[in-house]
PDB file of N, CA and C in Angstrom:
ATOM      1  N   MET A   1     -10.471 -12.424  33.784  1.00  0.00           N
ATOM      2  CA  MET A   1     -11.236 -13.589  33.367  1.00  0.00           C
ATOM      3  C   MET A   1     -11.239 -14.588  34.520  1.00  0.00           C
ATOM      4  N   ASN A   2     -12.417 -15.000  34.896  1.00  0.00           N
ATOM      5  CA  ASN A   2     -12.537 -15.971  35.979  1.00  0.00           C
ATOM      6  C   ASN A   2     -12.589 -17.391  35.421  1.00  0.00           C
ATOM      7  N   GLY A   3     -12.803 -18.340  36.294  1.00  0.00           N
ATOM      8  CA  GLY A   3     -12.814 -19.742  35.887  1.00  0.00           C
ATOM      9  C   GLY A   3     -13.931 -20.083  34.919  1.00  0.00           C
ATOM     10  N   LEU A   4     -15.115 -19.500  35.113  1.00  0.00           N
ATOM     11  CA  LEU A   4     -16.225 -19.760  34.201  1.00  0.00           C
ATOM     12  C   LEU A   4     -15.961 -19.153  32.829  1.00  0.00           C
ATOM     13  N   GLY A   5     -15.289 -18.013  32.791  1.00  0.00           N
ATOM     14  CA  GLY A   5     -14.924 -17.410  31.512  1.00  0.00           C
ATOM     15  C   GLY A   5     -13.930 -18.265  30.747  1.00  0.00           C
ATOM     16  N   LEU A   6     -12.989 -18.834  31.476  1.00  0.00           N
ATOM     17  CA  LEU A   6     -12.022 -19.729  30.851  1.00  0.00           C
ATOM     18  C   LEU A   6     -12.702 -20.996  30.341  1.00  0.00           C
ATOM     19  N   LEU A   7     -13.662 -21.496  31.099  1.00  0.00           N
ATOM     20  CA  LEU A   7     -14.425 -22.649  30.649  1.00  0.00           C
ATOM     21  C   LEU A   7     -15.225 -22.316  29.389  1.00  0.00           C
ATOM     22  N   ALA A   8     -15.734 -21.099  29.312  1.00  0.00           N
ATOM     23  CA  ALA A   8     -16.485 -20.670  28.124  1.00  0.00           C
ATOM     24  C   ALA A   8     -15.589 -20.658  26.892  1.00  0.00           C
ATOM     25  N   VAL A   9     -14.326 -20.287  27.065  1.00  0.00           N
ATOM     26  CA  VAL A   9     -13.390 -20.274  25.943  1.00  0.00           C
ATOM     27  C   VAL A   9     -13.195 -21.686  25.404  1.00  0.00           C
ATOM     28  N   PHE A  10     -13.000 -22.656  26.273  1.00  0.00           N
ATOM     29  CA  PHE A  10     -12.806 -24.038  25.831  1.00  0.00           C
ATOM     30  C   PHE A  10     -14.077 -24.614  25.196  1.00  0.00           C
ATOM     31  N   VAL A  11     -15.218 -24.331  25.800  1.00  0.00           N
ATOM     32  CA  VAL A  11     -16.480 -24.814  25.247  1.00  0.00           C
ATOM     33  C   VAL A  11     -16.701 -24.217  23.864  1.00  0.00           C
ATOM     34  N   THR A  12     -16.413 -22.929  23.716  1.00  0.00           N
ATOM     35  CA  THR A  12     -16.575 -22.268  22.424  1.00  0.00           C
ATOM     36  C   THR A  12     -15.639 -22.862  21.385  1.00  0.00           C
ATOM     37  N   ALA A  13     -14.406 -23.123  21.761  1.00  0.00           N
ATOM     38  CA  ALA A  13     -13.443 -23.679  20.816  1.00  0.00           C
ATOM     39  C   ALA A  13     -13.878 -25.054  20.332  1.00  0.00           C
ATOM     40  N   PHE A  14     -14.267 -25.928  21.233  1.00  0.00           N
ATOM     41  CA  PHE A  14     -14.689 -27.273  20.837  1.00  0.00           C
ATOM     42  C   PHE A  14     -15.984 -27.253  20.037  1.00  0.00           C
ATOM     43  N   TYR A  15     -16.923 -26.409  20.452  1.00  0.00           N
ATOM     44  CA  TYR A  15     -18.206 -26.377  19.751  1.00  0.00           C
ATOM     45  C   TYR A  15     -18.063 -25.764  18.361  1.00  0.00           C
ATOM     46  N   SER A  16     -17.255 -24.718  18.231  1.00  0.00           N
ATOM     47  CA  SER A  16     -17.066 -24.120  16.910  1.00  0.00           C
ATOM     48  C   SER A  16     -16.374 -25.094  15.971  1.00  0.00           C
ATOM     49  N   PHE A  17     -15.465 -25.902  16.489  1.00  0.00           N
ATOM     50  CA  PHE A  17     -14.836 -26.931  15.665  1.00  0.00           C
ATOM     51  C   PHE A  17     -15.867 -27.980  15.244  1.00  0.00           C
ATOM     52  N   ALA A  18     -16.751 -28.343  16.145  1.00  0.00           N
ATOM     53  CA  ALA A  18     -17.731 -29.385  15.865  1.00  0.00           C
ATOM     54  C   ALA A  18     -18.753 -28.959  14.818  1.00  0.00           C
ATOM     55  N   VAL A  19     -19.108 -27.685  14.805  1.00  0.00           N
ATOM     56  CA  VAL A  19     -20.125 -27.227  13.852  1.00  0.00           C
ATOM     57  C   VAL A  19     -19.523 -26.616  12.599  1.00  0.00           C
ATOM     58  N   GLY A  20     -18.206 -26.607  12.482  1.00  0.00           N
ATOM     59  CA  GLY A  20     -17.575 -26.153  11.253  1.00  0.00           C
ATOM     60  C   GLY A  20     -17.335 -24.662  11.160  1.00  0.00           C
ATOM     61  N   ARG A  21     -17.193 -24.002  12.251  1.00  0.00           N
ATOM     62  CA  ARG A  21     -16.907 -22.564  12.245  1.00  0.00           C
ATOM     63  C   ARG A  21     -15.416 -22.328  12.443  1.00  0.00           C
ATOM     64  N   ASN A  22     -14.988 -21.082  12.250  1.00  0.00           N
ATOM     65  CA  ASN A  22     -13.593 -20.704  12.413  1.00  0.00           C
ATOM     66  C   ASN A  22     -13.244 -20.710  13.898  1.00  0.00           C
ATOM     67  N   ILE A  23     -12.355 -21.602  14.293  1.00  0.00           N
ATOM     68  CA  ILE A  23     -12.041 -21.797  15.713  1.00  0.00           C
ATOM     69  C   ILE A  23     -11.365 -20.561  16.304  1.00  0.00           C
ATOM     70  N   ILE A  24     -10.409 -20.014  15.600  1.00  0.00           N
ATOM     71  CA  ILE A  24      -9.628 -18.892  16.135  1.00  0.00           C
ATOM     72  C   ILE A  24     -10.512 -17.679  16.365  1.00  0.00           C
ATOM     73  N   PHE A  25     -11.356 -17.344  15.393  1.00  0.00           N
ATOM     74  CA  PHE A  25     -12.232 -16.178  15.525  1.00  0.00           C
ATOM     75  C   PHE A  25     -13.183 -16.323  16.710  1.00  0.00           C
ATOM     76  N   TRP A  26     -13.860 -17.465  16.789  1.00  0.00           N
ATOM     77  CA  TRP A  26     -14.860 -17.634  17.841  1.00  0.00           C
ATOM     78  C   TRP A  26     -14.229 -17.751  19.221  1.00  0.00           C
ATOM     79  N   THR A  27     -13.048 -18.337  19.307  1.00  0.00           N
ATOM     80  CA  THR A  27     -12.365 -18.405  20.600  1.00  0.00           C
ATOM     81  C   THR A  27     -11.919 -17.012  21.031  1.00  0.00           C
ATOM     82  N   PHE A  28     -11.415 -16.231  20.085  1.00  0.00           N
ATOM     83  CA  PHE A  28     -10.995 -14.861  20.382  1.00  0.00           C
ATOM     84  C   PHE A  28     -12.192 -14.026  20.852  1.00  0.00           C
ATOM     85  N   MET A  29     -13.328 -14.182  20.194  1.00  0.00           N
ATOM     86  CA  MET A  29     -14.527 -13.455  20.614  1.00  0.00           C
ATOM     87  C   MET A  29     -15.007 -13.921  21.993  1.00  0.00           C
ATOM     88  N   SER A  30     -14.818 -15.190  22.278  1.00  0.00           N
ATOM     89  CA  SER A  30     -15.246 -15.726  23.562  1.00  0.00           C
ATOM     90  C   SER A  30     -14.408 -15.184  24.717  1.00  0.00           C
ATOM     91  N   VAL A  31     -13.172 -14.835  24.446  1.00  0.00           N
ATOM     92  CA  VAL A  31     -12.327 -14.253  25.489  1.00  0.00           C
ATOM     93  C   VAL A  31     -12.945 -12.944  25.978  1.00  0.00           C
ATOM     94  N   PHE A  32     -13.510 -12.177  25.068  1.00  0.00           N
ATOM     95  CA  PHE A  32     -14.072 -10.878  25.440  1.00  0.00           C
ATOM     96  C   PHE A  32     -15.530 -10.934  25.884  1.00  0.00           C
ATOM     97  N   TYR A  33     -16.337 -11.808  25.270  1.00  0.00           N
ATOM     98  CA  TYR A  33     -17.769 -11.802  25.536  1.00  0.00           C
ATOM     99  C   TYR A  33     -18.258 -13.024  26.296  1.00  0.00           C
ATOM    100  N   SER A  34     -17.395 -13.943  26.606  1.00  0.00           N
ATOM    101  CA  SER A  34     -17.657 -15.101  27.450  1.00  0.00           C
ATOM    102  C   SER A  34     -18.851 -15.928  26.979  1.00  0.00           C
ATOM    103  N   TRP A  35     -19.844 -16.147  27.840  1.00  0.00           N
ATOM    104  CA  TRP A  35     -20.931 -17.080  27.553  1.00  0.00           C
ATOM    105  C   TRP A  35     -21.907 -16.557  26.519  1.00  0.00           C
ATOM    106  N   PHE A  36     -21.886 -15.262  26.221  1.00  0.00           N
ATOM    107  CA  PHE A  36     -22.779 -14.736  25.190  1.00  0.00           C
ATOM    108  C   PHE A  36     -22.422 -15.305  23.818  1.00  0.00           C
ATOM    109  N   ILE A  37     -21.144 -15.533  23.586  1.00  0.00           N
ATOM    110  CA  ILE A  37     -20.708 -16.102  22.313  1.00  0.00           C
ATOM    111  C   ILE A  37     -21.139 -17.561  22.221  1.00  0.00           C
ATOM    112  N   VAL A  38     -21.098 -18.288  23.323  1.00  0.00           N
ATOM    113  CA  VAL A  38     -21.558 -19.683  23.308  1.00  0.00           C
ATOM    114  C   VAL A  38     -23.046 -19.720  22.959  1.00  0.00           C
ATOM    115  N   LEU A  39     -23.823 -18.827  23.539  1.00  0.00           N
ATOM    116  CA  LEU A  39     -25.249 -18.765  23.220  1.00  0.00           C
ATOM    117  C   LEU A  39     -25.466 -18.397  21.760  1.00  0.00           C
ATOM    118  N   LEU A  40     -24.680 -17.476  21.244  1.00  0.00           N
ATOM    119  CA  LEU A  40     -24.787 -17.080  19.843  1.00  0.00           C
ATOM    120  C   LEU A  40     -24.456 -18.251  18.919  1.00  0.00           C
ATOM    121  N   LEU A  41     -23.434 -19.011  19.259  1.00  0.00           N
ATOM    122  CA  LEU A  41     -23.076 -20.176  18.445  1.00  0.00           C
ATOM    123  C   LEU A  41     -24.175 -21.235  18.472  1.00  0.00           C
ATOM    124  N   LEU A  42     -24.834 -21.391  19.607  1.00  0.00           N
ATOM    125  CA  LEU A  42     -25.913 -22.378  19.699  1.00  0.00           C
ATOM    126  C   LEU A  42     -27.106 -22.000  18.832  1.00  0.00           C
ATOM    127  N   VAL A  43     -27.334 -20.701  18.642  1.00  0.00           N
ATOM    128  CA  VAL A  43     -28.486 -20.239  17.877  1.00  0.00           C
ATOM    129  C   VAL A  43     -28.193 -20.228  16.378  1.00  0.00           C
ATOM    130  N   MET A  44     -26.930 -20.039  16.003  1.00  0.00           N
ATOM    131  CA  MET A  44     -26.571 -19.949  14.587  1.00  0.00           C
ATOM    132  C   MET A  44     -26.774 -21.291  13.887  1.00  0.00           C
ATOM    133  N   PRO A  45     -27.106 -21.259  12.594  1.00  0.00           N
ATOM    134  CA  PRO A  45     -27.259 -22.527  11.859  1.00  0.00           C
ATOM    135  C   PRO A  45     -25.915 -23.226  11.696  1.00  0.00           C
ATOM    136  N   LYS A  46     -25.969 -24.527  11.713  1.00  0.00           N
ATOM    137  CA  LYS A  46     -24.743 -25.315  11.588  1.00  0.00           C
ATOM    138  C   LYS A  46     -24.427 -25.525  10.118  1.00  0.00           C
ATOM    139  N   ARG A  47     -23.146 -25.590   9.785  1.00  0.00           N
ATOM    140  CA  ARG A  47     -22.739 -25.800   8.407  1.00  0.00           C
ATOM    141  C   ARG A  47     -22.746 -27.291   8.087  1.00  0.00           C
ATOM    142  N   GLU A  48     -23.123 -27.607   6.864  1.00  0.00           N
ATOM    143  CA  GLU A  48     -23.118 -29.001   6.443  1.00  0.00           C
ATOM    144  C   GLU A  48     -21.695 -29.442   6.181  1.00  0.00           C
ATOM    145  N   ARG A  49     -21.413 -30.679   6.527  1.00  0.00           N
ATOM    146  CA  ARG A  49     -20.078 -31.213   6.288  1.00  0.00           C
ATOM    147  C   ARG A  49     -19.959 -31.663   4.845  1.00  0.00           C
ATOM    148  N   LYS A  50     -18.804 -31.377   4.260  1.00  0.00           N
ATOM    149  CA  LYS A  50     -18.549 -31.807   2.902  1.00  0.00           C
ATOM    150  C   LYS A  50     -17.994 -33.223   2.931  1.00  0.00           C
ATOM    151  N   GLU A  51     -18.307 -33.977   1.892  1.00  0.00           N
ATOM    152  CA  GLU A  51     -17.780 -35.323   1.813  1.00  0.00           C
ATOM    153  C   GLU A  51     -16.300 -35.248   1.483  1.00  0.00           C
ATOM    154  N   PHE A  52     -15.499 -35.992   2.229  1.00  0.00           N
ATOM    155  CA  PHE A  52     -14.054 -35.951   2.040  1.00  0.00           C
ATOM    156  C   PHE A  52     -13.675 -36.730   0.793  1.00  0.00           C
ATOM    157  N   ALA A  53     -12.810 -36.151  -0.016  1.00  0.00           N
ATOM    158  CA  ALA A  53     -12.314 -36.833  -1.211  1.00  0.00           C
ATOM    159  C   ALA A  53     -10.802 -36.701  -1.244  1.00  0.00           C
ATOM    160  N   PHE A  54     -10.135 -37.801  -1.530  1.00  0.00           N
ATOM    161  CA  PHE A  54      -8.686 -37.760  -1.634  1.00  0.00           C
ATOM    162  C   PHE A  54      -8.274 -37.010  -2.894  1.00  0.00           C
ATOM    163  N   PRO A  55      -7.130 -36.331  -2.884  1.00  0.00           N
ATOM    164  CA  PRO A  55      -6.645 -35.670  -4.095  1.00  0.00           C
ATOM    165  C   PRO A  55      -6.318 -36.692  -5.188  1.00  0.00           C
ATOM    166  N   ARG A  56      -6.381 -36.244  -6.444  1.00  0.00           N
ATOM    167  CA  ARG A  56      -6.136 -37.151  -7.573  1.00  0.00           C
ATOM    168  C   ARG A  56      -4.745 -37.745  -7.538  1.00  0.00           C
ATOM    169  N   TRP A  57      -3.734 -36.922  -7.202  1.00  0.00           N
ATOM    170  CA  TRP A  57      -2.359 -37.432  -7.198  1.00  0.00           C
ATOM    171  C   TRP A  57      -2.196 -38.543  -6.163  1.00  0.00           C
ATOM    172  N   PHE A  58      -2.902 -38.427  -5.052  1.00  0.00           N
ATOM    173  CA  PHE A  58      -2.829 -39.457  -4.014  1.00  0.00           C
ATOM    174  C   PHE A  58      -3.472 -40.749  -4.499  1.00  0.00           C
ATOM    175  N   MET A  59      -4.619 -40.629  -5.156  1.00  0.00           N
ATOM    176  CA  MET A  59      -5.309 -41.817  -5.642  1.00  0.00           C
ATOM    177  C   MET A  59      -4.540 -42.488  -6.779  1.00  0.00           C
ATOM    178  N   ARG A  60      -3.823 -41.704  -7.600  1.00  0.00           N
ATOM    179  CA  ARG A  60      -3.020 -42.301  -8.663  1.00  0.00           C
ATOM    180  C   ARG A  60      -1.891 -43.145  -8.099  1.00  0.00           C
ATOM    181  N   ILE A  61      -1.319 -42.711  -6.989  1.00  0.00           N
ATOM    182  CA  ILE A  61      -0.183 -43.432  -6.394  1.00  0.00           C
ATOM    183  C   ILE A  61      -0.663 -44.605  -5.544  1.00  0.00           C
ATOM    184  N   PHE A  62      -1.586 -44.350  -4.640  1.00  0.00           N
ATOM    185  CA  PHE A  62      -1.953 -45.353  -3.643  1.00  0.00           C
ATOM    186  C   PHE A  62      -3.244 -46.101  -3.959  1.00  0.00           C
ATOM    187  N   GLY A  63      -4.028 -45.635  -4.909  1.00  0.00           N
ATOM    188  CA  GLY A  63      -5.280 -46.294  -5.257  1.00  0.00           C
ATOM    189  C   GLY A  63      -5.098 -47.725  -5.723  1.00  0.00           C
ATOM    190  N   PRO A  64      -4.203 -47.983  -6.703  1.00  0.00           N
ATOM    191  CA  PRO A  64      -4.021 -49.372  -7.155  1.00  0.00           C
ATOM    192  C   PRO A  64      -3.524 -50.307  -6.055  1.00  0.00           C
ATOM    193  N   ARG A  65      -2.678 -49.816  -5.173  1.00  0.00           N
ATOM    194  CA  ARG A  65      -2.197 -50.653  -4.065  1.00  0.00           C
ATOM    195  C   ARG A  65      -3.338 -51.065  -3.147  1.00  0.00           C
ATOM    196  N   TYR A  66      -4.189 -50.115  -2.830  1.00  0.00           N
ATOM    197  CA  TYR A  66      -5.317 -50.394  -1.955  1.00  0.00           C
ATOM    198  C   TYR A  66      -6.286 -51.371  -2.615  1.00  0.00           C
ATOM    199  N   ILE A  67      -6.569 -51.150  -3.878  1.00  0.00           N
ATOM    200  CA  ILE A  67      -7.494 -52.031  -4.597  1.00  0.00           C
ATOM    201  C   ILE A  67      -6.930 -53.436  -4.684  1.00  0.00           C
ATOM    202  N   ASN A  68      -5.648 -53.556  -5.003  1.00  0.00           N
ATOM    203  CA  ASN A  68      -5.031 -54.880  -5.081  1.00  0.00           C
ATOM    204  C   ASN A  68      -5.051 -55.587  -3.731  1.00  0.00           C
ATOM    205  N   ARG A  69      -4.843 -54.851  -2.669  1.00  0.00           N
ATOM    206  CA  ARG A  69      -4.871 -55.441  -1.338  1.00  0.00           C
ATOM    207  C   ARG A  69      -6.278 -55.943  -1.003  1.00  0.00           C
ATOM    208  N   GLN A  70      -7.298 -55.171  -1.366  1.00  0.00           N
ATOM    209  CA  GLN A  70      -8.669 -55.587  -1.106  1.00  0.00           C
ATOM    210  C   GLN A  70      -9.036 -56.827  -1.923  1.00  0.00           C
ATOM    211  N   ILE A  71      -8.564 -56.872  -3.170  1.00  0.00           N
ATOM    212  CA  ILE A  71      -8.846 -58.032  -4.015  1.00  0.00           C
ATOM    213  C   ILE A  71      -8.180 -59.281  -3.441  1.00  0.00           C
ATOM    214  N   SER A  72      -6.941 -59.134  -2.973  1.00  0.00           N
ATOM    215  CA  SER A  72      -6.265 -60.303  -2.406  1.00  0.00           C
ATOM    216  C   SER A  72      -6.950 -60.769  -1.119  1.00  0.00           C
ATOM    217  N   LYS A  73      -7.465 -59.855  -0.320  1.00  0.00           N
ATOM    218  CA  LYS A  73      -8.203 -60.264   0.881  1.00  0.00           C
ATOM    219  C   LYS A  73      -9.483 -61.005   0.502  1.00  0.00           C
ATOM    220  N   MET A  74     -10.144 -60.549  -0.547  1.00  0.00           N
ATOM    221  CA  MET A  74     -11.367 -61.217  -0.986  1.00  0.00           C
ATOM    222  C   MET A  74     -11.053 -62.611  -1.532  1.00  0.00           C
ATOM    223  N   GLU A  75      -9.924 -62.751  -2.225  1.00  0.00           N
ATOM    224  CA  GLU A  75      -9.543 -64.056  -2.745  1.00  0.00           C
ATOM    225  C   GLU A  75      -9.199 -65.036  -1.638  1.00  0.00           C
ATOM    226  N   GLU A  76      -8.609 -64.522  -0.556  1.00  0.00           N
ATOM    227  CA  GLU A  76      -8.275 -65.378   0.585  1.00  0.00           C
ATOM    228  C   GLU A  76      -9.539 -65.914   1.261  1.00  0.00           C
ATOM    229  N   GLN A  77     -10.589 -65.125   1.265  1.00  0.00           N
ATOM    230  CA  GLN A  77     -11.832 -65.558   1.909  1.00  0.00           C
ATOM    231  C   GLN A  77     -12.492 -66.693   1.138  1.00  0.00           C
ATOM    232  N   PHE A  78     -12.338 -66.707  -0.178  1.00  0.00           N
ATOM    233  CA  PHE A  78     -12.980 -67.748  -0.986  1.00  0.00           C
ATOM    234  C   PHE A  78     -12.018 -68.804  -1.218  1.00  0.00           C
TER     235      PHE A  78
END
């Protein structure tokens, strides 16, 4: 593997992370096929990002604290 091949591995890893693909699989494929995998990733459709939601147990514990803090900040402004 030459320097350009190594650069292809890093480009593939960052780009696959950015478009929501499996980083390990695409990086492993890039080691063997170099820039062809980068071209394949550019042509493939990108996955839509899901909206992040906190777990219920987290919101039960920390939700009231956050809300109370926001209310107190709003009261300070008025």
